[in-house]
Amino acid sequence: MKHLWTKYLEHEAVMESNFAGPQGKDQGREHFGFEVDDARIASEDRVLFWCYENEVEVHHCFDECREDHSMTHENCLKYLAQLPRPWYSFTNKED
């Protein structure tokens, strides 16, 4: 995952936080993730980007609900490069 993370480091200035896993005894898929400083995200909402080897999952959490989206690494990097365009313009809605 280091090869992917190094591509994202260029945009670290717009990340409010970042994380990686699995941690401890967790046996989940290897990933890293982050939240961004995007003025279009309501202050009470959270948008979490979970980056896996072949995809990025985007979880929009609001009003005790969660919408799941996906995007490619290419689109995620484009989104980060052009902030403040909204994250959802780069995603596909998951059912």
PDB file of N, CA and C in Angstrom:
ATOM      1  N   MET A   1       0.820  -1.197   0.000  1.00  0.00           N
ATOM      2  CA  MET A   1       0.000   0.000   0.000  1.00  0.00           C
ATOM      3  C   MET A   1       0.867   1.265   0.000  1.00  0.00           C
ATOM      4  N   LYS A   2       2.151   1.110   0.323  1.00  0.00           N
ATOM      5  CA  LYS A   2       3.024   2.283   0.333  1.00  0.00           C
ATOM      6  C   LYS A   2       3.071   2.964  -1.022  1.00  0.00           C
ATOM      7  N   HIS A   3       3.043   2.163  -2.101  1.00  0.00           N
ATOM      8  CA  HIS A   3       3.089   2.748  -3.440  1.00  0.00           C
ATOM      9  C   HIS A   3       1.876   3.638  -3.704  1.00  0.00           C
ATOM     10  N   LEU A   4       0.728   3.305  -3.122  1.00  0.00           N
ATOM     11  CA  LEU A   4      -0.459   4.160  -3.266  1.00  0.00           C
ATOM     12  C   LEU A   4      -0.382   5.369  -2.340  1.00  0.00           C
ATOM     13  N   TRP A   5      -0.006   5.130  -1.085  1.00  0.00           N
ATOM     14  CA  TRP A   5       0.044   6.218  -0.107  1.00  0.00           C
ATOM     15  C   TRP A   5       0.970   7.337  -0.573  1.00  0.00           C
ATOM     16  N   THR A   6       2.082   6.987  -1.213  1.00  0.00           N
ATOM     17  CA  THR A   6       3.010   8.026  -1.668  1.00  0.00           C
ATOM     18  C   THR A   6       2.354   8.957  -2.688  1.00  0.00           C
ATOM     19  N   LYS A   7       1.418   8.441  -3.473  1.00  0.00           N
ATOM     20  CA  LYS A   7       0.680   9.293  -4.424  1.00  0.00           C
ATOM     21  C   LYS A   7      -0.239  10.262  -3.687  1.00  0.00           C
ATOM     22  N   TYR A   8      -0.788   9.831  -2.568  1.00  0.00           N
ATOM     23  CA  TYR A   8      -1.715  10.653  -1.802  1.00  0.00           C
ATOM     24  C   TYR A   8      -1.000  11.688  -0.935  1.00  0.00           C
ATOM     25  N   LEU A   9       0.258  11.438  -0.601  1.00  0.00           N
ATOM     26  CA  LEU A   9       0.997  12.353   0.270  1.00  0.00           C
ATOM     27  C   LEU A   9       1.095  13.762  -0.297  1.00  0.00           C
ATOM     28  N   GLU A  10       1.071  13.879  -1.611  1.00  0.00           N
ATOM     29  CA  GLU A  10       1.098  15.201  -2.247  1.00  0.00           C
ATOM     30  C   GLU A  10      -0.062  16.071  -1.774  1.00  0.00           C
ATOM     31  N   HIS A  11      -1.149  15.444  -1.341  1.00  0.00           N
ATOM     32  CA  HIS A  11      -2.366  16.156  -0.947  1.00  0.00           C
ATOM     33  C   HIS A  11      -2.585  16.154   0.559  1.00  0.00           C
ATOM     34  N   GLU A  12      -1.566  15.821   1.308  1.00  0.00           N
ATOM     35  CA  GLU A  12      -1.701  15.731   2.755  1.00  0.00           C
ATOM     36  C   GLU A  12      -2.163  17.048   3.382  1.00  0.00           C
ATOM     37  N   ALA A  13      -1.871  18.157   2.764  1.00  0.00           N
ATOM     38  CA  ALA A  13      -2.256  19.461   3.311  1.00  0.00           C
ATOM     39  C   ALA A  13      -3.770  19.642   3.401  1.00  0.00           C
ATOM     40  N   VAL A  14      -4.544  18.932   2.575  1.00  0.00           N
ATOM     41  CA  VAL A  14      -6.007  19.062   2.621  1.00  0.00           C
ATOM     42  C   VAL A  14      -6.659  17.953   3.442  1.00  0.00           C
ATOM     43  N   MET A  15      -5.845  17.071   4.016  1.00  0.00           N
ATOM     44  CA  MET A  15      -6.382  15.999   4.857  1.00  0.00           C
ATOM     45  C   MET A  15      -6.450  16.470   6.301  1.00  0.00           C
ATOM     46  N   GLU A  16      -7.624  16.310   6.912  1.00  0.00           N
ATOM     47  CA  GLU A  16      -7.774  16.660   8.323  1.00  0.00           C
ATOM     48  C   GLU A  16      -7.239  15.561   9.231  1.00  0.00           C
ATOM     49  N   SER A  17      -7.309  14.339   8.769  1.00  0.00           N
ATOM     50  CA  SER A  17      -6.811  13.202   9.529  1.00  0.00           C
ATOM     51  C   SER A  17      -6.535  12.071   8.554  1.00  0.00           C
ATOM     52  N   ASN A  18      -5.732  11.091   8.996  1.00  0.00           N
ATOM     53  CA  ASN A  18      -5.528   9.892   8.192  1.00  0.00           C
ATOM     54  C   ASN A  18      -5.308   8.712   9.121  1.00  0.00           C
ATOM     55  N   PHE A  19      -5.488   7.521   8.584  1.00  0.00           N
ATOM     56  CA  PHE A  19      -5.414   6.291   9.371  1.00  0.00           C
ATOM     57  C   PHE A  19      -5.043   5.140   8.457  1.00  0.00           C
ATOM     58  N   ALA A  20      -4.659   4.021   9.051  1.00  0.00           N
ATOM     59  CA  ALA A  20      -4.299   2.834   8.279  1.00  0.00           C
ATOM     60  C   ALA A  20      -4.717   1.596   9.038  1.00  0.00           C
ATOM     61  N   GLY A  21      -4.880   0.509   8.318  1.00  0.00           N
ATOM     62  CA  GLY A  21      -5.258  -0.739   8.950  1.00  0.00           C
ATOM     63  C   GLY A  21      -4.950  -1.909   8.038  1.00  0.00           C
ATOM     64  N   PRO A  22      -5.177  -3.114   8.474  1.00  0.00           N
ATOM     65  CA  PRO A  22      -5.787  -3.443   9.761  1.00  0.00           C
ATOM     66  C   PRO A  22      -4.808  -3.231  10.914  1.00  0.00           C
ATOM     67  N   GLN A  23      -5.356  -3.065  12.089  1.00  0.00           N
ATOM     68  CA  GLN A  23      -4.550  -2.850  13.282  1.00  0.00           C
ATOM     69  C   GLN A  23      -4.859  -3.927  14.311  1.00  0.00           C
ATOM     70  N   GLY A  24      -3.850  -4.244  15.121  1.00  0.00           N
ATOM     71  CA  GLY A  24      -4.049  -5.233  16.172  1.00  0.00           C
ATOM     72  C   GLY A  24      -4.416  -6.590  15.611  1.00  0.00           C
ATOM     73  N   LYS A  25      -5.453  -7.184  16.171  1.00  0.00           N
ATOM     74  CA  LYS A  25      -5.893  -8.517  15.754  1.00  0.00           C
ATOM     75  C   LYS A  25      -6.889  -8.477  14.603  1.00  0.00           C
ATOM     76  N   ASP A  26      -7.211  -7.280  14.132  1.00  0.00           N
ATOM     77  CA  ASP A  26      -8.139  -7.126  13.011  1.00  0.00           C
ATOM     78  C   ASP A  26      -7.576  -7.838  11.784  1.00  0.00           C
ATOM     79  N   GLN A  27      -8.392  -8.629  11.130  1.00  0.00           N
ATOM     80  CA  GLN A  27      -7.968  -9.380   9.953  1.00  0.00           C
ATOM     81  C   GLN A  27      -8.543  -8.799   8.659  1.00  0.00           C
ATOM     82  N   GLY A  28      -8.999  -7.546   8.701  1.00  0.00           N
ATOM     83  CA  GLY A  28      -9.587  -6.921   7.518  1.00  0.00           C
ATOM     84  C   GLY A  28      -8.558  -6.672   6.426  1.00  0.00           C
ATOM     85  N   ARG A  29      -9.037  -6.162   5.317  1.00  0.00           N
ATOM     86  CA  ARG A  29      -8.158  -5.857   4.182  1.00  0.00           C
ATOM     87  C   ARG A  29      -7.225  -4.693   4.522  1.00  0.00           C
ATOM     88  N   GLU A  30      -6.027  -4.755   4.003  1.00  0.00           N
ATOM     89  CA  GLU A  30      -5.069  -3.676   4.191  1.00  0.00           C
ATOM     90  C   GLU A  30      -5.612  -2.412   3.522  1.00  0.00           C
ATOM     91  N   HIS A  31      -5.513  -1.280   4.211  1.00  0.00           N
ATOM     92  CA  HIS A  31      -6.058  -0.026   3.689  1.00  0.00           C
ATOM     93  C   HIS A  31      -5.422   1.169   4.395  1.00  0.00           C
ATOM     94  N   PHE A  32      -5.659   2.317   3.837  1.00  0.00           N
ATOM     95  CA  PHE A  32      -5.412   3.570   4.532  1.00  0.00           C
ATOM     96  C   PHE A  32      -6.612   4.456   4.251  1.00  0.00           C
ATOM     97  N   GLY A  33      -6.781   5.478   5.045  1.00  0.00           N
ATOM     98  CA  GLY A  33      -7.938   6.344   4.857  1.00  0.00           C
ATOM     99  C   GLY A  33      -7.670   7.740   5.369  1.00  0.00           C
ATOM    100  N   PHE A  34      -8.628   8.612   5.090  1.00  0.00           N
ATOM    101  CA  PHE A  34      -8.472   9.998   5.495  1.00  0.00           C
ATOM    102  C   PHE A  34      -9.815  10.726   5.426  1.00  0.00           C
ATOM    103  N   GLU A  35      -9.849  11.886   6.071  1.00  0.00           N
ATOM    104  CA  GLU A  35     -10.922  12.865   5.916  1.00  0.00           C
ATOM    105  C   GLU A  35     -10.269  14.117   5.357  1.00  0.00           C
ATOM    106  N   VAL A  36     -11.044  14.933   4.654  1.00  0.00           N
ATOM    107  CA  VAL A  36     -10.473  16.124   4.025  1.00  0.00           C
ATOM    108  C   VAL A  36     -11.123  17.407   4.540  1.00  0.00           C
ATOM    109  N   ASP A  37     -10.424  18.487   4.310  1.00  0.00           N
ATOM    110  CA  ASP A  37     -10.931  19.819   4.610  1.00  0.00           C
ATOM    111  C   ASP A  37     -11.625  20.320   3.351  1.00  0.00           C
ATOM    112  N   ASP A  38     -12.928  20.080   3.267  1.00  0.00           N
ATOM    113  CA  ASP A  38     -13.733  20.458   2.105  1.00  0.00           C
ATOM    114  C   ASP A  38     -14.877  21.315   2.615  1.00  0.00           C
ATOM    115  N   ALA A  39     -14.905  22.572   2.242  1.00  0.00           N
ATOM    116  CA  ALA A  39     -15.910  23.519   2.734  1.00  0.00           C
ATOM    117  C   ALA A  39     -17.333  23.098   2.391  1.00  0.00           C
ATOM    118  N   ARG A  40     -17.507  22.240   1.424  1.00  0.00           N
ATOM    119  CA  ARG A  40     -18.854  21.816   1.023  1.00  0.00           C
ATOM    120  C   ARG A  40     -19.411  20.699   1.877  1.00  0.00           C
ATOM    121  N   ILE A  41     -18.606  20.145   2.765  1.00  0.00           N
ATOM    122  CA  ILE A  41     -19.087  19.113   3.676  1.00  0.00           C
ATOM    123  C   ILE A  41     -19.636  19.823   4.909  1.00  0.00           C
ATOM    124  N   ALA A  42     -20.912  19.579   5.204  1.00  0.00           N
ATOM    125  CA  ALA A  42     -21.542  20.218   6.359  1.00  0.00           C
ATOM    126  C   ALA A  42     -20.750  19.896   7.624  1.00  0.00           C
ATOM    127  N   SER A  43     -20.711  20.859   8.537  1.00  0.00           N
ATOM    128  CA  SER A  43     -19.875  20.703   9.731  1.00  0.00           C
ATOM    129  C   SER A  43     -20.261  19.495  10.577  1.00  0.00           C
ATOM    130  N   GLU A  44     -21.514  19.075  10.547  1.00  0.00           N
ATOM    131  CA  GLU A  44     -21.935  17.917  11.340  1.00  0.00           C
ATOM    132  C   GLU A  44     -21.799  16.602  10.570  1.00  0.00           C
ATOM    133  N   ASP A  45     -21.457  16.650   9.294  1.00  0.00           N
ATOM    134  CA  ASP A  45     -21.263  15.455   8.470  1.00  0.00           C
ATOM    135  C   ASP A  45     -19.814  14.994   8.525  1.00  0.00           C
ATOM    136  N   ARG A  46     -19.619  13.727   8.184  1.00  0.00           N
ATOM    137  CA  ARG A  46     -18.272  13.177   8.018  1.00  0.00           C
ATOM    138  C   ARG A  46     -18.219  12.458   6.675  1.00  0.00           C
ATOM    139  N   VAL A  47     -17.134  12.638   5.973  1.00  0.00           N
ATOM    140  CA  VAL A  47     -16.885  11.907   4.733  1.00  0.00           C
ATOM    141  C   VAL A  47     -15.537  11.226   4.894  1.00  0.00           C
ATOM    142  N   LEU A  48     -15.587   9.892   4.920  1.00  0.00           N
ATOM    143  CA  LEU A  48     -14.393   9.072   5.139  1.00  0.00           C
ATOM    144  C   LEU A  48     -13.995   8.393   3.837  1.00  0.00           C
ATOM    145  N   PHE A  49     -12.737   8.494   3.483  1.00  0.00           N
ATOM    146  CA  PHE A  49     -12.186   7.854   2.293  1.00  0.00           C
ATOM    147  C   PHE A  49     -11.354   6.665   2.757  1.00  0.00           C
ATOM    148  N   TRP A  50     -11.752   5.457   2.364  1.00  0.00           N
ATOM    149  CA  TRP A  50     -11.037   4.230   2.708  1.00  0.00           C
ATOM    150  C   TRP A  50     -10.408   3.714   1.417  1.00  0.00           C
ATOM    151  N   CYS A  51      -9.090   3.712   1.349  1.00  0.00           N
ATOM    152  CA  CYS A  51      -8.361   3.334   0.139  1.00  0.00           C
ATOM    153  C   CYS A  51      -7.834   1.913   0.253  1.00  0.00           C
ATOM    154  N   TYR A  52      -8.260   1.078  -0.678  1.00  0.00           N
ATOM    155  CA  TYR A  52      -7.801  -0.303  -0.787  1.00  0.00           C
ATOM    156  C   TYR A  52      -6.944  -0.414  -2.050  1.00  0.00           C
ATOM    157  N   GLU A  53      -6.361  -1.547  -2.273  1.00  0.00           N
ATOM    158  CA  GLU A  53      -5.465  -1.721  -3.419  1.00  0.00           C
ATOM    159  C   GLU A  53      -6.114  -1.319  -4.746  1.00  0.00           C
ATOM    160  N   ASN A  54      -7.369  -1.724  -4.964  1.00  0.00           N
ATOM    161  CA  ASN A  54      -7.993  -1.518  -6.274  1.00  0.00           C
ATOM    162  C   ASN A  54      -9.190  -0.582  -6.280  1.00  0.00           C
ATOM    163  N   GLU A  55      -9.484   0.073  -5.165  1.00  0.00           N
ATOM    164  CA  GLU A  55     -10.651   0.941  -5.116  1.00  0.00           C
ATOM    165  C   GLU A  55     -10.582   1.876  -3.918  1.00  0.00           C
ATOM    166  N   VAL A  56     -11.430   2.887  -3.976  1.00  0.00           N
ATOM    167  CA  VAL A  56     -11.612   3.796  -2.852  1.00  0.00           C
ATOM    168  C   VAL A  56     -13.082   3.763  -2.475  1.00  0.00           C
ATOM    169  N   GLU A  57     -13.367   3.477  -1.212  1.00  0.00           N
ATOM    170  CA  GLU A  57     -14.730   3.543  -0.704  1.00  0.00           C
ATOM    171  C   GLU A  57     -14.901   4.899  -0.030  1.00  0.00           C
ATOM    172  N   VAL A  58     -16.020   5.533  -0.299  1.00  0.00           N
ATOM    173  CA  VAL A  58     -16.320   6.821   0.318  1.00  0.00           C
ATOM    174  C   VAL A  58     -17.582   6.640   1.151  1.00  0.00           C
ATOM    175  N   HIS A  59     -17.487   6.960   2.426  1.00  0.00           N
ATOM    176  CA  HIS A  59     -18.613   6.802   3.347  1.00  0.00           C
ATOM    177  C   HIS A  59     -19.035   8.180   3.831  1.00  0.00           C
ATOM    178  N   HIS A  60     -20.225   8.592   3.414  1.00  0.00           N
ATOM    179  CA  HIS A  60     -20.778   9.889   3.814  1.00  0.00           C
ATOM    180  C   HIS A  60     -21.721   9.635   4.989  1.00  0.00           C
ATOM    181  N   CYS A  61     -21.331  10.102   6.166  1.00  0.00           N
ATOM    182  CA  CYS A  61     -22.092   9.873   7.392  1.00  0.00           C
ATOM    183  C   CYS A  61     -22.798  11.169   7.788  1.00  0.00           C
ATOM    184  N   PHE A  62     -24.120  11.082   7.966  1.00  0.00           N
ATOM    185  CA  PHE A  62     -24.914  12.267   8.293  1.00  0.00           C
ATOM    186  C   PHE A  62     -26.199  11.837   8.973  1.00  0.00           C
ATOM    187  N   ASP A  63     -26.688  12.657   9.899  1.00  0.00           N
ATOM    188  CA  ASP A  63     -27.971  12.411  10.566  1.00  0.00           C
ATOM    189  C   ASP A  63     -28.177  10.945  10.952  1.00  0.00           C
ATOM    190  N   GLU A  64     -27.164  10.312  11.511  1.00  0.00           N
ATOM    191  CA  GLU A  64     -27.212   8.907  11.906  1.00  0.00           C
ATOM    192  C   GLU A  64     -27.445   7.959  10.740  1.00  0.00           C
ATOM    193  N   CYS A  65     -27.154   8.420   9.513  1.00  0.00           N
ATOM    194  CA  CYS A  65     -27.260   7.608   8.304  1.00  0.00           C
ATOM    195  C   CYS A  65     -25.886   7.528   7.653  1.00  0.00           C
ATOM    196  N   ARG A  66     -25.758   6.603   6.699  1.00  0.00           N
ATOM    197  CA  ARG A  66     -24.515   6.476   5.955  1.00  0.00           C
ATOM    198  C   ARG A  66     -24.829   6.140   4.511  1.00  0.00           C
ATOM    199  N   GLU A  67     -24.238   6.885   3.584  1.00  0.00           N
ATOM    200  CA  GLU A  67     -24.300   6.587   2.157  1.00  0.00           C
ATOM    201  C   GLU A  67     -22.932   6.087   1.734  1.00  0.00           C
ATOM    202  N   ASP A  68     -22.913   5.003   0.977  1.00  0.00           N
ATOM    203  CA  ASP A  68     -21.660   4.428   0.496  1.00  0.00           C
ATOM    204  C   ASP A  68     -21.499   4.711  -0.988  1.00  0.00           C
ATOM    205  N   HIS A  69     -20.308   5.092  -1.358  1.00  0.00           N
ATOM    206  CA  HIS A  69     -19.963   5.398  -2.746  1.00  0.00           C
ATOM    207  C   HIS A  69     -18.623   4.743  -3.040  1.00  0.00           C
ATOM    208  N   SER A  70     -18.260   4.703  -4.304  1.00  0.00           N
ATOM    209  CA  SER A  70     -16.942   4.203  -4.677  1.00  0.00           C
ATOM    210  C   SER A  70     -16.356   5.097  -5.758  1.00  0.00           C
ATOM    211  N   MET A  71     -15.039   5.079  -5.834  1.00  0.00           N
ATOM    212  CA  MET A  71     -14.348   5.804  -6.894  1.00  0.00           C
ATOM    213  C   MET A  71     -13.011   5.124  -7.134  1.00  0.00           C
ATOM    214  N   THR A  72     -12.405   5.459  -8.235  1.00  0.00           N
ATOM    215  CA  THR A  72     -11.084   4.937  -8.547  1.00  0.00           C
ATOM    216  C   THR A  72     -10.025   5.780  -7.829  1.00  0.00           C
ATOM    217  N   HIS A  73      -8.827   5.232  -7.714  1.00  0.00           N
ATOM    218  CA  HIS A  73      -7.729   6.026  -7.155  1.00  0.00           C
ATOM    219  C   HIS A  73      -7.468   7.241  -8.036  1.00  0.00           C
ATOM    220  N   GLU A  74      -7.556   7.057  -9.326  1.00  0.00           N
ATOM    221  CA  GLU A  74      -7.340   8.172 -10.256  1.00  0.00           C
ATOM    222  C   GLU A  74      -8.312   9.310  -9.961  1.00  0.00           C
ATOM    223  N   ASN A  75      -9.598   8.987  -9.798  1.00  0.00           N
ATOM    224  CA  ASN A  75     -10.587  10.030  -9.513  1.00  0.00           C
ATOM    225  C   ASN A  75     -10.405  10.632  -8.131  1.00  0.00           C
ATOM    226  N   CYS A  76     -10.007   9.818  -7.174  1.00  0.00           N
ATOM    227  CA  CYS A  76      -9.782  10.335  -5.827  1.00  0.00           C
ATOM    228  C   CYS A  76      -8.635  11.348  -5.843  1.00  0.00           C
ATOM    229  N   LEU A  77      -7.571  11.026  -6.532  1.00  0.00           N
ATOM    230  CA  LEU A  77      -6.444  11.950  -6.630  1.00  0.00           C
ATOM    231  C   LEU A  77      -6.829  13.215  -7.386  1.00  0.00           C
ATOM    232  N   LYS A  78      -7.669  13.087  -8.409  1.00  0.00           N
ATOM    233  CA  LYS A  78      -8.170  14.272  -9.118  1.00  0.00           C
ATOM    234  C   LYS A  78      -8.995  15.143  -8.181  1.00  0.00           C
ATOM    235  N   TYR A  79      -9.849  14.523  -7.392  1.00  0.00           N
ATOM    236  CA  TYR A  79     -10.662  15.262  -6.423  1.00  0.00           C
ATOM    237  C   TYR A  79      -9.774  16.029  -5.449  1.00  0.00           C
ATOM    238  N   LEU A  80      -8.793  15.348  -4.877  1.00  0.00           N
ATOM    239  CA  LEU A  80      -7.904  15.999  -3.914  1.00  0.00           C
ATOM    240  C   LEU A  80      -7.148  17.163  -4.558  1.00  0.00           C
ATOM    241  N   ALA A  81      -6.739  16.992  -5.800  1.00  0.00           N
ATOM    242  CA  ALA A  81      -5.961  18.018  -6.490  1.00  0.00           C
ATOM    243  C   ALA A  81      -6.766  19.278  -6.771  1.00  0.00           C
ATOM    244  N   GLN A  82      -8.058  19.154  -6.907  1.00  0.00           N
ATOM    245  CA  GLN A  82      -8.857  20.306  -7.308  1.00  0.00           C
ATOM    246  C   GLN A  82      -9.786  20.837  -6.224  1.00  0.00           C
ATOM    247  N   LEU A  83      -9.637  20.355  -4.987  1.00  0.00           N
ATOM    248  CA  LEU A  83     -10.525  20.858  -3.941  1.00  0.00           C
ATOM    249  C   LEU A  83     -10.691  22.363  -4.103  1.00  0.00           C
ATOM    250  N   PRO A  84     -11.875  22.897  -4.030  1.00  0.00           N
ATOM    251  CA  PRO A  84     -13.035  22.450  -3.285  1.00  0.00           C
ATOM    252  C   PRO A  84     -14.178  21.839  -4.098  1.00  0.00           C
ATOM    253  N   ARG A  85     -13.973  21.338  -5.341  1.00  0.00           N
ATOM    254  CA  ARG A  85     -15.053  20.655  -6.051  1.00  0.00           C
ATOM    255  C   ARG A  85     -15.536  19.493  -5.190  1.00  0.00           C
ATOM    256  N   PRO A  86     -16.870  19.229  -5.102  1.00  0.00           N
ATOM    257  CA  PRO A  86     -17.390  18.230  -4.158  1.00  0.00           C
ATOM    258  C   PRO A  86     -16.966  16.797  -4.491  1.00  0.00           C
ATOM    259  N   TRP A  87     -16.737  16.026  -3.430  1.00  0.00           N
ATOM    260  CA  TRP A  87     -16.278  14.637  -3.566  1.00  0.00           C
ATOM    261  C   TRP A  87     -17.236  13.794  -4.379  1.00  0.00           C
ATOM    262  N   TYR A  88     -18.562  14.033  -4.241  1.00  0.00           N
ATOM    263  CA  TYR A  88     -19.542  13.155  -4.877  1.00  0.00           C
ATOM    264  C   TYR A  88     -19.565  13.284  -6.389  1.00  0.00           C
ATOM    265  N   SER A  89     -18.946  14.314  -6.948  1.00  0.00           N
ATOM    266  CA  SER A  89     -18.891  14.428  -8.410  1.00  0.00           C
ATOM    267  C   SER A  89     -17.916  13.416  -9.009  1.00  0.00           C
ATOM    268  N   PHE A  90     -17.154  12.711  -8.157  1.00  0.00           N
ATOM    269  CA  PHE A  90     -16.190  11.709  -8.610  1.00  0.00           C
ATOM    270  C   PHE A  90     -16.626  10.283  -8.290  1.00  0.00           C
ATOM    271  N   THR A  91     -17.816  10.069  -7.727  1.00  0.00           N
ATOM    272  CA  THR A  91     -18.211   8.753  -7.232  1.00  0.00           C
ATOM    273  C   THR A  91     -19.324   8.123  -8.050  1.00  0.00           C
ATOM    274  N   ASN A  92     -19.574   6.860  -7.731  1.00  0.00           N
ATOM    275  CA  ASN A  92     -20.733   6.120  -8.212  1.00  0.00           C
ATOM    276  C   ASN A  92     -21.539   5.732  -6.969  1.00  0.00           C
ATOM    277  N   LYS A  93     -22.843   5.938  -6.994  1.00  0.00           N
ATOM    278  CA  LYS A  93     -23.714   5.597  -5.856  1.00  0.00           C
ATOM    279  C   LYS A  93     -23.825   4.095  -5.756  1.00  0.00           C
ATOM    280  N   GLU A  94     -23.622   3.556  -4.547  1.00  0.00           N
ATOM    281  CA  GLU A  94     -23.754   2.121  -4.296  1.00  0.00           C
ATOM    282  C   GLU A  94     -25.164   1.841  -3.798  1.00  0.00           C
ATOM    283  N   ASP A  95     -25.709   0.706  -4.171  1.00  0.00           N
ATOM    284  CA  ASP A  95     -27.058   0.334  -3.707  1.00  0.00           C
ATOM    285  C   ASP A  95     -27.014  -0.427  -2.423  1.00  0.00           C
TER     286      ASP A  95
END
